[in-house]
Amino acid sequence: MTVFDELKARGLLAQLTDEEEIKELINQGKATFYIGFDPTADSLHVGHFMALCLMKRLQMAGNKPIALIGGGTAMIGDPSGRSDMRSMMTMETIQHNCDCFKEQMSKFIDFSEGKAMMVNNADWLLGLNYIEVLREVGAHFSVNRMLTAECYKQRMEKGLSFLEFNYMIMQSYDFYVLYQKYGCNMQFGGDDQWSNMLGGTELIRRKLGKDAYAMTITLLLNSEGKKMGKTQKGAVWLDPNKTSPFDFFQYWRNVADADVLKCIRMLTFLPLEQIDEMDQWEGSGLNKAKEILAFELTKLVHGQEEAEKALEGARALFSSGNATQMPTVILTEEDFMEDKIDILTMLTVSGLVASRSEGRRAVEQGGVSVDGEKVADVKALFEKEQLAGDGIVLKRGKKNFKKMIYQ
């Protein structure tokens, strides 16, 4: 099976401009491709994970990835998939986020000499002359056509700023510059980026008369109408200080039954033959598949040792309601009153609820337990001695839990 055929078989390809040309470049290891990452936070999250896995997969086949950090486009903000305008960030914040991205990406991509590149579009965007952009780039874009793009439709109802309207032109210009400076001949991205990607491809063809190609990858978990990596508590980060390896493991362990095999195909590097055998798995077999998914992806992001710890902790939790490797919260003297702590304080300190009122509702609805036993009283108190040593397991709902320890 060729590299391109494997991408198709794994369900990764959503849309592409020129299939035969793209297939030949990828299969022969001649694609120099880029994927853009806007540094809107100081960590990559699970929403970026799919792109990183694709870059790794293609680099293993001899193709050359360019990780484009959007230090310049982050000054504007991508309107795609948003109902409001992004907050403005300072140059210092953007640079800090860029530095964090580079460190995390290096776990997936080999940036040694000639094998991959990381560039920042601030290097060329921030010094642009406005009149020059209008003449050299803007003349190639139809406003009527831009307004039909999916990335703008959602914002048109509430109001789209001229600042954000320029994002498509800036992203297109990125591809144009990368083509000329580094021989970048292909652009990848999520299927919500299709309009922006076509803009860059067409700009190169019109201005340079050269061939350039675009290909989008399918967004995971779209069937449920949510972006990959979002939970009730926010994003699932790749930084272990933001999302612990155990929580990362649990995110994937708890994906919907309908999504587990799709995720395994798209994100893991397990052989397709092995994955195809899982198609027949049902019931407890699906739980085993989820465990495989969670372990493989945790290993990719956090390493073998952390993946094994997370697996051990998850198995202990589901088998006995206790675990040694689950996320832990250390309680101090300030959390107690007369050597006791109430259930609502524990819930808020643990981060399982955002407020005492939310904690009260969770208890009243029967969704809170301590060491496997449901807590029905919102005034329930726990002695300091109960939380010493191994502590207790505080659980909200079926999937959210913390070990609470007093030291």
Protein backbone atom coordinates (compact mmCIF):
# COMPACT_ATOMS: atom_id res chain seq x y z
CA MET A 1 0.00 0.00 0.00
CA THR A 2 1.37 3.41 -0.95
CA VAL A 3 1.59 6.30 1.49
CA PHE A 4 -1.26 8.11 -0.25
CA ASP A 5 -3.44 4.99 -0.28
CA GLU A 6 -2.82 4.57 3.44
CA LEU A 7 -3.90 8.16 4.11
CA LYS A 8 -7.13 7.40 2.27
CA ALA A 9 -7.64 4.09 4.05
CA ARG A 10 -7.20 5.79 7.41
CA GLY A 11 -9.92 8.31 6.50
CA LEU A 12 -7.59 11.29 6.70
CA LEU A 13 -8.33 12.98 3.39
CA ALA A 14 -11.32 15.29 3.13
CA GLN A 15 -10.70 17.48 0.06
CA LEU A 16 -7.79 17.95 -2.33
CA THR A 17 -7.14 20.01 -5.42
CA ASP A 18 -5.30 17.61 -7.76
CA GLU A 19 -5.38 13.99 -6.61
CA GLU A 20 -3.02 12.40 -9.12
CA GLU A 21 -0.34 15.08 -8.74
CA ILE A 22 -0.59 15.03 -4.95
CA LYS A 23 -0.45 11.24 -4.90
CA GLU A 24 2.76 11.21 -6.97
CA LEU A 25 4.50 13.83 -4.83
CA ILE A 26 3.64 12.15 -1.54
CA ASN A 27 4.45 8.62 -2.68
CA GLN A 28 7.83 9.69 -4.04
CA GLY A 29 8.68 11.71 -0.93
CA LYS A 30 8.86 14.93 -2.95
CA ALA A 31 6.24 16.95 -1.10
CA THR A 32 7.43 19.96 0.84
CA PHE A 33 4.29 20.81 2.74
CA TYR A 34 3.24 23.16 5.47
CA ILE A 35 0.62 23.24 8.18
CA GLY A 36 -0.05 26.44 10.09
CA PHE A 37 -0.45 26.79 13.85
CA ASP A 38 -1.65 30.09 15.32
CA PRO A 39 -0.05 30.60 18.76
CA THR A 40 -3.20 31.64 20.63
CA ALA A 41 -2.11 29.80 23.81
CA ASP A 42 1.14 28.65 25.41
CA SER A 43 0.45 25.00 24.58
CA LEU A 44 -0.73 22.95 21.65
CA HIS A 45 -3.94 21.04 22.31
CA VAL A 46 -5.63 17.89 21.05
CA GLY A 47 -7.11 19.88 18.17
CA HIS A 48 -3.53 20.23 16.81
CA PHE A 49 -2.70 16.60 17.51
CA MET A 50 -4.13 15.25 14.30
CA ALA A 51 -2.04 17.62 12.19
CA LEU A 52 1.12 16.67 14.10
CA CYS A 53 0.44 12.96 13.54
CA LEU A 54 -0.04 13.59 9.81
CA MET A 55 3.22 15.54 9.64
CA LYS A 56 5.04 12.73 11.41
CA ARG A 57 3.52 10.11 9.10
CA LEU A 58 4.50 12.00 5.94
CA GLN A 59 7.98 12.80 7.21
CA MET A 60 8.54 9.08 7.85
CA ALA A 61 7.78 8.57 4.13
CA GLY A 62 10.50 11.03 3.09
CA ASN A 63 8.43 14.19 2.68
CA LYS A 64 9.53 17.49 4.23
CA PRO A 65 7.23 19.25 6.68
CA ILE A 66 7.24 22.97 7.41
CA ALA A 67 5.60 23.93 10.69
CA LEU A 68 4.40 27.49 10.17
CA ILE A 69 3.91 29.37 13.41
CA GLY A 70 1.43 32.20 12.91
CA GLY A 71 3.17 34.93 14.86
CA GLY A 72 1.87 37.42 12.30
CA THR A 73 -1.60 36.06 11.60
CA ALA A 74 -2.15 35.73 15.35
CA MET A 75 -2.13 39.52 15.43
CA ILE A 76 -5.37 39.34 13.40
CA GLY A 77 -7.06 36.08 14.39
CA ASP A 78 -8.74 33.42 12.28
CA PRO A 79 -12.55 33.88 12.10
CA SER A 80 -13.08 30.23 11.07
CA GLY A 81 -15.51 28.43 13.37
CA ARG A 82 -15.94 31.43 15.67
CA SER A 83 -18.98 33.50 16.53
CA ASP A 84 -16.97 36.36 18.06
CA MET A 85 -13.70 38.15 17.52
CA ARG A 86 -10.53 36.81 19.12
CA SER A 87 -8.82 38.82 21.87
CA MET A 88 -5.78 40.83 20.84
CA MET A 89 -2.44 39.51 22.12
CA THR A 90 0.78 41.39 22.74
CA MET A 91 3.95 40.63 20.78
CA GLU A 92 5.56 39.29 23.95
CA THR A 93 2.72 36.82 24.56
CA ILE A 94 2.79 35.64 20.96
CA GLN A 95 6.55 35.05 21.07
CA HIS A 96 6.27 33.13 24.33
CA ASN A 97 3.58 30.91 22.82
CA CYS A 98 5.70 30.33 19.71
CA ASP A 99 8.61 29.15 21.87
CA CYS A 100 6.32 26.70 23.70
CA PHE A 101 4.99 25.33 20.41
CA LYS A 102 8.46 24.60 19.09
CA GLU A 103 9.40 22.57 22.15
CA GLN A 104 6.23 20.47 21.94
CA MET A 105 6.40 19.92 18.17
CA SER A 106 9.92 18.54 18.47
CA LYS A 107 8.44 15.42 20.10
CA PHE A 108 6.69 14.59 16.83
CA ILE A 109 8.83 16.06 14.09
CA ASP A 110 12.55 15.68 13.40
CA PHE A 111 13.81 19.23 12.88
CA SER A 112 17.40 18.21 12.21
CA GLU A 113 19.19 19.62 9.18
CA GLY A 114 17.20 19.28 5.96
CA LYS A 115 14.43 17.10 7.38
CA ALA A 116 11.91 19.73 8.51
CA MET A 117 11.61 23.43 9.19
CA MET A 118 9.87 25.69 11.62
CA VAL A 119 9.22 29.24 10.45
CA ASN A 120 7.24 32.19 11.77
CA ASN A 121 5.10 34.26 9.39
CA ALA A 122 5.77 37.33 11.52
CA ASP A 123 9.12 37.43 9.69
CA TRP A 124 7.42 38.56 6.49
CA LEU A 125 3.94 39.74 7.46
CA LEU A 126 4.87 42.39 10.01
CA GLY A 127 7.07 44.28 7.59
CA LEU A 128 4.63 44.39 4.68
CA ASN A 129 3.78 47.64 2.95
CA TYR A 130 -0.01 48.08 2.86
CA ILE A 131 -0.16 49.59 -0.62
CA GLU A 132 2.11 46.85 -1.94
CA VAL A 133 -0.17 44.17 -0.49
CA LEU A 134 -3.23 45.76 -2.08
CA ARG A 135 -1.57 45.89 -5.48
CA GLU A 136 0.35 42.63 -5.46
CA VAL A 137 -2.03 40.37 -3.52
CA GLY A 138 -5.42 42.03 -3.06
CA ALA A 139 -5.91 42.42 -6.81
CA HIS A 140 -6.13 38.63 -7.14
CA PHE A 141 -9.04 38.19 -4.70
CA SER A 142 -12.73 38.63 -5.48
CA VAL A 143 -14.69 40.08 -2.54
CA ASN A 144 -17.88 38.46 -3.80
CA ARG A 145 -16.21 35.07 -3.80
CA MET A 146 -14.58 35.60 -0.40
CA LEU A 147 -17.96 36.36 1.17
CA THR A 148 -19.26 32.95 0.09
CA ALA A 149 -16.52 31.15 2.03
CA GLU A 150 -17.67 29.02 4.95
CA CYS A 151 -15.14 30.63 7.28
CA TYR A 152 -16.97 33.97 6.93
CA LYS A 153 -20.62 32.92 6.75
CA GLN A 154 -21.06 32.36 10.49
CA ARG A 155 -19.55 35.74 11.32
CA MET A 156 -21.57 37.71 8.77
CA GLU A 157 -24.70 37.52 10.93
CA LYS A 158 -23.05 39.14 13.97
CA GLY A 159 -20.61 41.30 12.08
CA LEU A 160 -17.26 40.55 10.50
CA SER A 161 -14.50 43.10 11.08
CA PHE A 162 -12.30 44.24 8.22
CA LEU A 163 -9.37 43.08 10.35
CA GLU A 164 -10.60 39.46 10.25
CA PHE A 165 -11.65 39.75 6.62
CA ASN A 166 -7.95 40.05 5.78
CA TYR A 167 -7.11 36.68 7.32
CA MET A 168 -7.69 34.74 4.10
CA ILE A 169 -5.36 37.07 2.21
CA MET A 170 -2.67 36.75 4.88
CA GLN A 171 -2.87 32.94 4.91
CA SER A 172 -2.75 32.88 1.12
CA TYR A 173 0.29 35.14 1.17
CA ASP A 174 1.99 32.72 3.58
CA PHE A 175 1.78 29.92 1.01
CA TYR A 176 3.04 32.29 -1.69
CA VAL A 177 6.11 33.23 0.40
CA LEU A 178 6.82 29.65 1.49
CA TYR A 179 6.69 28.52 -2.12
CA GLN A 180 9.25 31.10 -3.22
CA LYS A 181 11.59 30.86 -0.22
CA TYR A 182 11.53 27.15 0.59
CA GLY A 183 10.00 25.37 -2.40
CA CYS A 184 6.86 24.54 -0.44
CA ASN A 185 4.48 22.97 -2.95
CA MET A 186 1.64 21.73 -0.78
CA GLN A 187 -0.55 22.98 2.06
CA PHE A 188 -2.44 20.81 4.56
CA GLY A 189 -5.04 21.78 7.13
CA GLY A 190 -8.41 20.96 8.66
CA ASP A 191 -11.39 20.84 6.33
CA ASP A 192 -12.68 24.08 7.88
CA GLN A 193 -9.70 25.79 6.24
CA TRP A 194 -10.54 24.82 2.67
CA SER A 195 -11.43 28.32 1.45
CA ASN A 196 -8.29 29.85 2.92
CA MET A 197 -6.13 27.11 1.44
CA LEU A 198 -7.60 27.50 -2.03
CA GLY A 199 -6.77 31.20 -1.85
CA GLY A 200 -3.07 30.46 -1.44
CA THR A 201 -3.03 27.79 -4.14
CA GLU A 202 -4.71 30.09 -6.65
CA LEU A 203 -2.46 33.04 -5.74
CA ILE A 204 0.66 31.02 -6.59
CA ARG A 205 -0.80 29.78 -9.85
CA ARG A 206 -1.92 33.26 -10.95
CA LYS A 207 1.18 35.22 -9.96
CA LEU A 208 3.89 32.65 -10.66
CA GLY A 209 2.24 30.32 -13.15
CA LYS A 210 3.48 27.42 -10.99
CA ASP A 211 1.76 24.34 -9.63
CA ALA A 212 0.82 24.31 -5.97
CA TYR A 213 -1.59 22.00 -4.20
CA ALA A 214 -3.89 21.97 -1.20
CA MET A 215 -5.30 19.07 0.79
CA THR A 216 -7.48 19.05 3.88
CA ILE A 217 -7.81 16.45 6.59
CA THR A 218 -11.09 15.43 8.16
CA LEU A 219 -11.85 16.99 11.53
CA LEU A 220 -12.35 14.29 14.14
CA LEU A 221 -15.53 14.01 16.21
CA ASN A 222 -17.38 16.33 13.83
CA SER A 223 -20.29 13.89 13.90
CA GLU A 224 -21.09 15.12 17.40
CA GLY A 225 -20.84 18.75 16.37
CA LYS A 226 -17.81 19.48 18.51
CA LYS A 227 -14.18 20.20 17.85
CA MET A 228 -11.67 17.59 18.81
CA GLY A 229 -10.13 18.26 22.18
CA LYS A 230 -13.00 20.15 23.80
CA THR A 231 -14.61 19.00 27.03
CA GLN A 232 -16.93 20.57 29.56
CA LYS A 233 -13.86 21.75 31.44
CA GLY A 234 -12.15 23.28 28.39
CA ALA A 235 -9.37 22.21 26.05
CA VAL A 236 -7.26 19.07 26.38
CA TRP A 237 -3.67 20.29 26.23
CA LEU A 238 -0.48 18.51 25.20
CA ASP A 239 1.41 20.28 28.01
CA PRO A 240 1.42 17.89 31.02
CA ASN A 241 1.24 20.89 33.35
CA LYS A 242 -2.11 21.86 31.82
CA THR A 243 -3.56 18.40 31.19
CA SER A 244 -1.91 15.59 33.13
CA PRO A 245 -0.96 12.39 31.27
CA PHE A 246 -3.70 10.63 33.23
CA ASP A 247 -6.36 13.16 32.18
CA PHE A 248 -5.08 12.97 28.60
CA PHE A 249 -5.40 9.19 28.73
CA GLN A 250 -8.91 9.45 30.17
CA TYR A 251 -10.03 11.85 27.44
CA TRP A 252 -9.29 9.23 24.80
CA ARG A 253 -10.50 6.37 27.00
CA ASN A 254 -13.91 8.05 27.11
CA VAL A 255 -14.48 8.80 23.42
CA ALA A 256 -17.86 7.71 22.04
CA ASP A 257 -18.21 4.14 20.81
CA ALA A 258 -18.91 5.44 17.30
CA ASP A 259 -15.62 7.37 17.22
CA VAL A 260 -13.08 4.97 18.71
CA LEU A 261 -12.09 3.05 15.57
CA LYS A 262 -12.09 6.24 13.52
CA CYS A 263 -9.66 7.78 16.00
CA ILE A 264 -7.45 4.67 16.02
CA ARG A 265 -7.21 4.73 12.22
CA MET A 266 -6.50 8.43 11.96
CA LEU A 267 -4.19 9.01 14.90
CA THR A 268 -2.29 5.86 15.81
CA PHE A 269 0.52 4.20 13.90
CA LEU A 270 -0.86 0.69 14.42
CA PRO A 271 -1.00 -1.42 11.23
CA LEU A 272 -4.28 -1.16 9.34
CA GLU A 273 -4.60 -4.95 9.37
CA GLN A 274 -4.64 -4.93 13.17
CA ILE A 275 -7.19 -2.10 13.23
CA ASP A 276 -9.43 -3.85 10.71
CA GLU A 277 -9.67 -6.81 13.08
CA MET A 278 -11.18 -4.47 15.68
CA ASP A 279 -14.12 -3.73 13.36
CA GLN A 280 -15.86 -6.80 14.73
CA TRP A 281 -15.35 -5.89 18.37
CA GLU A 282 -18.45 -5.08 20.40
CA GLY A 283 -19.31 -4.48 24.05
CA SER A 284 -16.24 -5.10 26.21
CA GLY A 285 -14.21 -5.30 23.01
CA LEU A 286 -14.93 -1.63 22.34
CA ASN A 287 -13.69 -0.80 25.83
CA LYS A 288 -10.48 -2.66 25.00
CA ALA A 289 -10.19 -0.64 21.77
CA LYS A 290 -10.60 2.59 23.74
CA GLU A 291 -7.85 1.49 26.10
CA ILE A 292 -5.57 0.77 23.14
CA LEU A 293 -6.36 4.18 21.65
CA ALA A 294 -5.70 6.00 24.92
CA PHE A 295 -2.43 4.14 25.55
CA GLU A 296 -1.04 4.66 22.04
CA LEU A 297 -1.79 8.39 21.98
CA THR A 298 -0.56 9.00 25.53
CA LYS A 299 2.66 7.22 24.56
CA LEU A 300 3.04 9.48 21.52
CA VAL A 301 2.62 12.67 23.55
CA HIS A 302 4.04 11.81 26.98
CA GLY A 303 6.22 8.74 26.44
CA GLN A 304 6.03 5.04 27.29
CA GLU A 305 6.49 5.41 31.05
CA GLU A 306 3.71 7.95 31.52
CA ALA A 307 1.39 5.93 29.28
CA GLU A 308 1.96 2.83 31.42
CA LYS A 309 1.29 4.82 34.60
CA ALA A 310 -1.93 6.21 33.16
CA LEU A 311 -3.05 2.75 32.05
CA GLU A 312 -2.34 1.32 35.49
CA GLY A 313 -4.21 4.15 37.19
CA ALA A 314 -7.23 3.83 34.90
CA ARG A 315 -7.48 0.07 35.41
CA ALA A 316 -7.20 0.46 39.17
CA LEU A 317 -9.90 3.11 39.15
CA PHE A 318 -12.41 1.04 37.20
CA SER A 319 -11.66 -2.15 39.06
CA SER A 320 -11.68 -0.92 42.64
CA GLY A 321 -12.60 2.76 42.66
CA ASN A 322 -9.07 3.61 43.77
CA ALA A 323 -5.85 4.37 41.92
CA THR A 324 -2.30 5.45 42.60
CA GLN A 325 -1.61 7.28 39.35
CA MET A 326 -4.72 9.44 39.02
CA PRO A 327 -4.61 13.26 39.22
CA THR A 328 -3.91 14.27 42.80
CA VAL A 329 -4.85 17.36 44.80
CA ILE A 330 -2.84 18.12 47.94
CA LEU A 331 -4.91 19.69 50.72
CA THR A 332 -3.32 22.01 53.28
CA GLU A 333 -4.28 23.27 56.73
CA GLU A 334 -6.05 26.25 55.16
CA ASP A 335 -8.59 23.93 53.54
CA PHE A 336 -9.80 22.58 56.90
CA MET A 337 -11.91 24.07 59.64
CA GLU A 338 -11.50 22.40 63.03
CA ASP A 339 -9.76 19.46 61.31
CA LYS A 340 -12.72 18.87 59.00
CA ILE A 341 -13.51 19.68 55.38
CA ASP A 342 -16.96 19.69 53.80
CA ILE A 343 -17.85 18.05 50.51
CA LEU A 344 -18.50 21.33 48.68
CA THR A 345 -15.08 22.70 49.61
CA MET A 346 -13.44 19.50 48.38
CA LEU A 347 -15.29 19.69 45.09
CA THR A 348 -14.27 23.28 44.46
CA VAL A 349 -10.65 22.85 45.60
CA SER A 350 -10.34 19.78 43.37
CA GLY A 351 -11.56 21.69 40.33
CA LEU A 352 -14.33 19.18 39.67
CA VAL A 353 -16.81 22.06 39.98
CA ALA A 354 -16.41 25.76 39.33
CA SER A 355 -18.39 26.94 42.37
CA ARG A 356 -20.04 25.74 45.57
CA SER A 357 -23.47 26.17 43.97
CA GLU A 358 -22.44 23.86 41.12
CA GLY A 359 -21.12 21.40 43.69
CA ARG A 360 -24.39 21.54 45.60
CA ARG A 361 -26.34 20.68 42.46
CA ALA A 362 -23.99 17.80 41.68
CA VAL A 363 -24.49 16.30 45.15
CA GLU A 364 -28.26 16.79 45.09
CA GLN A 365 -28.43 15.08 41.68
CA GLY A 366 -26.57 12.04 43.00
CA GLY A 367 -23.45 12.60 40.92
CA VAL A 368 -20.80 12.75 43.67
CA SER A 369 -19.05 9.85 45.41
CA VAL A 370 -16.13 9.33 47.79
CA ASP A 371 -14.22 6.06 47.51
CA GLY A 372 -17.07 4.58 45.51
CA GLU A 373 -19.85 5.56 47.93
CA LYS A 374 -22.40 8.16 46.87
CA VAL A 375 -22.53 11.38 48.91
CA ALA A 376 -26.13 12.50 49.42
CA ASP A 377 -25.67 15.21 52.05
CA VAL A 378 -24.42 18.61 50.84
CA LYS A 379 -23.17 19.25 54.40
CA ALA A 380 -21.14 16.02 54.59
CA LEU A 381 -17.87 16.46 56.50
CA PHE A 382 -14.61 14.51 56.30
CA GLU A 383 -11.97 14.22 59.00
CA LYS A 384 -8.39 15.22 58.33
CA GLU A 385 -7.30 11.69 59.22
CA GLN A 386 -9.44 10.27 56.38
CA LEU A 387 -7.44 12.26 53.86
CA ALA A 388 -3.99 11.46 55.27
CA GLY A 389 -1.84 8.68 53.85
CA ASP A 390 -3.37 7.33 50.63
CA GLY A 391 -6.20 9.87 50.76
CA ILE A 392 -9.61 9.38 49.16
CA VAL A 393 -10.97 9.29 45.60
CA LEU A 394 -13.45 12.10 44.95
CA LYS A 395 -15.56 11.46 41.90
CA ARG A 396 -18.09 13.57 40.01
CA GLY A 397 -20.13 11.75 37.40
CA LYS A 398 -18.64 8.74 35.65
CA LYS A 399 -15.52 10.27 34.18
CA ASN A 400 -14.23 13.04 36.46
CA PHE A 401 -12.25 12.22 39.57
CA LYS A 402 -9.34 13.35 41.74
CA LYS A 403 -7.38 11.80 44.54
CA MET A 404 -7.55 14.09 47.57
CA ILE A 405 -4.65 13.87 50.03
CA TYR A 406 -3.81 15.87 53.14
CA GLN A 407 -0.10 16.33 53.80
